[in-house]
């Protein structure tokens, strides 16, 4: 497990599926995700069954926060499309439990995943795509040390219009200077 005193990233378990299914189908949650069509519980179960085929470093991690003596599932995160030759990967995160939004949990989870990426997987660059219409996420990534690398013009279509996607990234040397 990857953890701090109040948060841990752990392997996804079958029992997480129903929460993921609920969150992915919540318009507020999926508004910032690449998902744009409803997902069935069967889709989510098939996704879980296919996790065993993924490379270990690309398996998603469940995000949990400590509440008293118990742990509460609040989302998931992962690296994907890892390029081992140039040692880079794309980061993705979903905080589905809306009651914990705006409390810094996203920043903590992103930092934990970056720590894992740079210090365990030996990545040199971690990058992400974020909708320009998601200022909360943009602020989180900036706070964690990601810098704006580019703009993909009209790269997303949602709610009847096109919007730009922002490309943000962080290098291992930048991470080391923040630690």
Protein backbone atom coordinates (compact mmCIF):
# COMPACT_ATOMS: atom_id res chain seq x y z
CA UNK A 1 0.00 0.00 0.00
CA UNK A 2 0.95 3.58 -0.57
CA UNK A 3 -0.14 5.71 2.34
CA UNK A 4 0.05 8.66 4.65
CA UNK A 5 -1.43 8.78 8.13
CA UNK A 6 -4.87 9.73 6.77
CA UNK A 7 -4.93 8.37 3.21
CA UNK A 8 -3.98 5.18 1.47
CA UNK A 9 -3.88 3.94 -2.10
CA UNK A 10 -4.58 0.23 -2.29
CA UNK A 11 -5.40 -2.37 -4.91
CA UNK A 12 -8.93 -2.23 -6.30
CA UNK A 13 -11.17 -4.94 -4.86
CA UNK A 14 -14.41 -6.44 -6.16
CA UNK A 15 -16.28 -4.68 -3.34
CA UNK A 16 -15.30 -1.29 -4.82
CA UNK A 17 -17.25 -1.87 -8.05
CA UNK A 18 -20.63 -0.63 -6.84
CA UNK A 19 -19.16 2.67 -5.62
CA UNK A 20 -17.27 3.14 -8.90
CA UNK A 21 -20.46 2.39 -10.85
CA UNK A 22 -22.42 4.95 -8.82
CA UNK A 23 -19.75 7.61 -9.19
CA UNK A 24 -19.17 7.13 -12.92
CA UNK A 25 -22.88 7.61 -13.54
CA UNK A 26 -23.09 10.76 -11.40
CA UNK A 27 -23.14 13.78 -13.78
CA UNK A 28 -21.17 15.93 -11.32
CA UNK A 29 -18.42 13.34 -11.03
CA UNK A 30 -18.11 12.28 -14.65
CA UNK A 31 -18.19 15.86 -15.92
CA UNK A 32 -14.41 16.02 -15.48
CA UNK A 33 -13.74 12.52 -16.80
CA UNK A 34 -13.26 11.15 -20.30
CA UNK A 35 -16.44 9.09 -19.83
CA UNK A 36 -19.42 10.53 -21.66
CA UNK A 37 -21.90 7.65 -21.85
CA UNK A 38 -23.67 5.86 -18.99
CA UNK A 39 -21.95 2.73 -17.70
CA UNK A 40 -23.83 -0.35 -16.58
CA UNK A 41 -22.95 -2.40 -13.54
CA UNK A 42 -22.06 -5.20 -15.99
CA UNK A 43 -19.63 -2.83 -17.76
CA UNK A 44 -17.97 -2.05 -14.44
CA UNK A 45 -17.77 -5.73 -13.50
CA UNK A 46 -16.19 -6.55 -16.89
CA UNK A 47 -13.71 -3.71 -16.35
CA UNK A 48 -12.77 -5.25 -13.00
CA UNK A 49 -12.36 -8.73 -14.50
CA UNK A 50 -9.96 -7.32 -17.12
CA UNK A 51 -7.72 -5.69 -14.48
CA UNK A 52 -5.82 -8.96 -14.08
CA UNK A 53 -4.60 -8.62 -17.68
CA UNK A 54 -3.09 -5.17 -17.12
CA UNK A 55 0.54 -4.54 -16.35
CA UNK A 56 0.97 -4.22 -12.59
CA UNK A 57 2.14 -0.60 -12.77
CA UNK A 58 -1.02 0.35 -14.71
CA UNK A 59 -3.55 -1.24 -12.38
CA UNK A 60 -5.79 1.37 -10.77
CA UNK A 61 -5.59 2.06 -7.06
CA UNK A 62 -8.50 2.75 -4.74
CA UNK A 63 -8.22 5.93 -2.68
CA UNK A 64 -9.29 5.69 0.94
CA UNK A 65 -9.28 8.22 3.76
CA UNK A 66 -9.12 7.46 7.48
CA UNK A 67 -12.28 8.26 9.41
CA UNK A 68 -11.76 7.48 13.09
CA UNK A 69 -10.50 3.89 13.09
CA UNK A 70 -11.99 2.94 9.71
CA UNK A 71 -11.06 3.59 6.09
CA UNK A 72 -13.56 5.14 3.65
CA UNK A 73 -13.38 4.66 -0.12
CA UNK A 74 -13.52 8.02 -1.92
CA UNK A 75 -12.17 7.38 -5.43
CA UNK A 76 -9.50 5.81 -7.56
CA UNK A 77 -6.39 6.77 -9.49
CA UNK A 78 -3.92 5.20 -11.89
CA UNK A 79 -1.08 5.59 -14.32
CA UNK A 80 -1.78 4.49 -17.86
CA UNK A 81 -0.04 4.37 -21.23
CA UNK A 82 3.32 4.01 -19.50
CA UNK A 83 6.19 4.38 -21.93
CA UNK A 84 9.11 2.59 -20.27
CA UNK A 85 11.64 3.75 -22.88
CA UNK A 86 11.18 7.43 -22.03
CA UNK A 87 9.85 6.67 -18.54
CA UNK A 88 6.64 8.67 -18.74
CA UNK A 89 3.01 7.96 -17.90
CA UNK A 90 -0.35 9.65 -17.89
CA UNK A 91 -2.09 10.17 -14.55
CA UNK A 92 -5.83 9.78 -14.05
CA UNK A 93 -7.89 10.33 -10.92
CA UNK A 94 -11.55 10.19 -9.93
CA UNK A 95 -12.79 11.48 -6.60
CA UNK A 96 -16.31 10.15 -6.59
CA UNK A 97 -17.42 10.82 -3.03
CA UNK A 98 -18.71 14.39 -3.39
CA UNK A 99 -19.03 14.93 0.37
CA UNK A 100 -15.22 15.09 0.61
CA UNK A 101 -14.66 17.51 -2.27
CA UNK A 102 -12.80 20.77 -1.55
CA UNK A 103 -10.98 19.37 1.49
CA UNK A 104 -7.55 18.76 -0.05
CA UNK A 105 -7.99 15.02 -0.57
CA UNK A 106 -7.42 15.34 -4.32
CA UNK A 107 -4.08 17.05 -3.76
CA UNK A 108 -3.02 14.41 -1.25
CA UNK A 109 -3.97 11.58 -3.61
CA UNK A 110 -2.16 13.18 -6.57
CA UNK A 111 0.97 13.72 -4.46
CA UNK A 112 0.88 10.11 -3.24
CA UNK A 113 0.51 8.79 -6.77
CA UNK A 114 3.33 11.05 -8.01
CA UNK A 115 5.55 9.87 -5.15
CA UNK A 116 4.86 6.29 -6.23
CA UNK A 117 5.50 7.17 -9.88
CA UNK A 118 8.78 8.98 -9.34
CA UNK A 119 10.19 7.11 -6.36
CA UNK A 120 8.99 3.55 -6.99
CA UNK A 121 8.36 3.25 -10.73
CA UNK A 122 11.31 5.54 -11.57
CA UNK A 123 9.28 7.63 -14.01
CA UNK A 124 10.90 10.76 -15.40
CA UNK A 125 7.69 12.53 -16.49
CA UNK A 126 4.09 12.33 -15.36
CA UNK A 127 1.47 14.15 -17.40
CA UNK A 128 -2.29 14.54 -17.56
CA UNK A 129 -5.08 16.05 -19.60
CA UNK A 130 -7.67 18.26 -17.88
CA UNK A 131 -10.77 20.01 -19.22
CA UNK A 132 -10.31 23.77 -19.34
CA UNK A 133 -13.75 24.00 -17.70
CA UNK A 134 -12.49 22.25 -14.53
CA UNK A 135 -10.75 25.00 -12.53
CA UNK A 136 -10.83 22.98 -9.28
CA UNK A 137 -8.78 20.20 -10.87
CA UNK A 138 -6.42 22.66 -12.55
CA UNK A 139 -5.71 24.35 -9.19
CA UNK A 140 -5.12 20.96 -7.58
CA UNK A 141 -2.59 19.95 -10.23
CA UNK A 142 -0.81 23.32 -10.06
CA UNK A 143 -0.65 23.06 -6.26
CA UNK A 144 0.96 19.63 -6.63
CA UNK A 145 3.65 20.99 -8.96
CA UNK A 146 2.28 20.29 -12.44
CA UNK A 147 3.02 22.94 -15.04
CA UNK A 148 1.04 23.86 -18.13
CA UNK A 149 2.68 22.30 -21.16
CA UNK A 150 0.11 22.94 -23.84
CA UNK A 151 -3.45 23.35 -25.00
CA UNK A 152 -5.30 20.92 -27.24
CA UNK A 153 -7.80 23.13 -29.00
CA UNK A 154 -11.39 21.87 -29.10
CA UNK A 155 -10.21 18.40 -28.13
CA UNK A 156 -13.30 17.55 -26.10
CA UNK A 157 -17.01 17.64 -26.88
CA UNK A 158 -19.37 17.74 -23.94
CA UNK A 159 -22.72 19.39 -23.19
CA UNK A 160 -23.20 20.34 -26.84
CA UNK A 161 -19.99 22.27 -27.38
CA UNK A 162 -16.26 21.82 -27.90
CA UNK A 163 -13.75 22.79 -25.27
CA UNK A 164 -10.00 22.84 -25.01
CA UNK A 165 -8.04 20.26 -23.05
CA UNK A 166 -5.00 21.40 -21.13
CA UNK A 167 -1.85 19.31 -21.03
CA UNK A 168 0.01 19.51 -17.73
CA UNK A 169 3.14 17.69 -16.65
CA UNK A 170 5.81 17.30 -14.02
CA UNK A 171 9.38 16.03 -14.32
CA UNK A 172 11.21 13.92 -11.77
CA UNK A 173 13.69 16.78 -11.22
CA UNK A 174 10.79 19.13 -10.41
CA UNK A 175 9.36 16.56 -8.00
CA UNK A 176 12.74 16.17 -6.26
CA UNK A 177 13.03 19.94 -5.81
CA UNK A 178 9.63 19.98 -4.03
CA UNK A 179 10.34 17.04 -1.68
